[in-house]
Amino acid sequence: MVVTAKITSKGQITLPKEVRKLLKVDAGAVVVFEEEDDKVVVRTAKTLREFKGFLKGKAVSTDFDTMRDKAKKYLGGRLGRAKR
């Protein structure tokens, strides 16, 4: 599959429908861009570390267990709404 996307003046792109379908992502999903050799690989975020910065400004400084519980609750709510 070869698809293209245009970069905006703010450095943003819209993932083409074919890519979103392949990654099984929808609005609000988090994707990770990883460098592998001379390529950039796009995949869905699966670990809490990959969500770093996603909740920026949403909570005060707290311990890791509390942060993980809040992230699970937040993402669980988003995923629950998406399936309706």
Protein backbone atom coordinates (compact mmCIF):
# COMPACT_ATOMS: atom_id res chain seq x y z
CA MET A 1 0.00 0.00 0.00
CA VAL A 2 1.26 3.45 -0.88
CA VAL A 3 -0.68 6.51 0.28
CA THR A 4 0.31 10.13 0.74
CA ALA A 5 -0.53 12.86 3.24
CA LYS A 6 0.19 16.58 3.06
CA ILE A 7 2.00 18.31 5.94
CA THR A 8 0.34 21.52 7.15
CA SER A 9 2.19 24.72 8.06
CA LYS A 10 1.97 23.55 11.70
CA GLY A 11 3.70 20.26 10.86
CA GLN A 12 0.52 18.21 11.17
CA ILE A 13 -0.82 15.45 8.95
CA THR A 14 -4.09 13.58 8.70
CA LEU A 15 -3.60 9.83 8.63
CA PRO A 16 -5.28 8.59 5.47
CA LYS A 17 -8.35 6.38 5.93
CA GLU A 18 -6.48 3.32 4.68
CA VAL A 19 -3.74 3.79 7.30
CA ARG A 20 -6.26 4.38 10.12
CA LYS A 21 -8.06 1.22 9.09
CA LEU A 22 -4.82 -0.77 8.97
CA LEU A 23 -3.78 0.49 12.43
CA LYS A 24 -7.35 0.07 13.76
CA VAL A 25 -7.36 3.61 15.19
CA ASP A 26 -9.98 6.32 15.42
CA ALA A 27 -10.18 9.88 16.72
CA GLY A 28 -8.32 10.29 20.00
CA ALA A 29 -6.06 7.27 19.48
CA VAL A 30 -2.35 7.63 20.19
CA VAL A 31 0.17 6.50 17.59
CA VAL A 32 3.92 6.12 17.97
CA PHE A 33 6.47 7.10 15.34
CA GLU A 34 9.65 5.02 15.64
CA GLU A 35 12.85 5.21 13.65
CA GLU A 36 14.04 1.83 12.37
CA ASP A 37 17.18 1.86 10.26
CA ASP A 38 16.39 4.39 7.52
CA LYS A 39 12.59 4.21 7.95
CA VAL A 40 9.93 5.63 10.25
CA VAL A 41 7.41 3.09 11.50
CA VAL A 42 3.93 4.17 12.66
CA ARG A 43 2.12 1.95 15.16
CA THR A 44 -0.48 2.24 17.89
CA ALA A 45 0.66 3.03 21.43
CA LYS A 46 0.35 0.02 23.71
CA THR A 47 2.30 0.82 26.90
CA LEU A 48 1.86 3.54 29.47
CA ARG A 49 5.32 4.92 28.67
CA GLU A 50 4.22 5.49 25.06
CA PHE A 51 1.35 7.66 26.32
CA LYS A 52 3.85 10.04 27.96
CA GLY A 53 2.66 13.60 27.53
CA PHE A 54 -0.82 12.54 26.41
CA LEU A 55 -2.38 13.65 29.70
CA LYS A 56 -0.10 16.68 30.04
CA GLY A 57 -1.76 19.40 32.07
CA LYS A 58 -4.59 17.10 33.16
CA ALA A 59 -3.24 16.22 36.63
CA VAL A 60 -0.86 17.35 39.33
CA SER A 61 2.39 15.59 40.13
CA THR A 62 1.66 12.21 41.70
CA ASP A 63 3.16 8.77 42.24
CA PHE A 64 3.38 6.26 39.37
CA ASP A 65 0.63 3.89 40.64
CA THR A 66 -1.88 6.73 40.97
CA MET A 67 -0.91 8.07 37.54
CA ARG A 68 -1.32 4.60 35.97
CA ASP A 69 -4.76 4.14 37.56
CA LYS A 70 -5.92 7.57 36.31
CA ALA A 71 -4.62 6.84 32.80
CA LYS A 72 -6.42 3.47 32.71
CA LYS A 73 -9.66 5.08 33.87
CA TYR A 74 -9.34 7.92 31.34
CA LEU A 75 -8.53 5.65 28.41
CA GLY A 76 -11.15 3.10 29.44
CA GLY A 77 -13.78 5.82 29.34
CA ARG A 78 -12.66 6.99 25.90
CA LEU A 79 -12.63 3.44 24.53
CA GLY A 80 -16.04 2.73 26.06
CA ARG A 81 -17.54 5.78 24.33
CA ALA A 82 -15.98 4.85 21.00
CA LYS A 83 -17.64 1.41 20.97
CA ARG A 84 -21.17 2.74 21.42
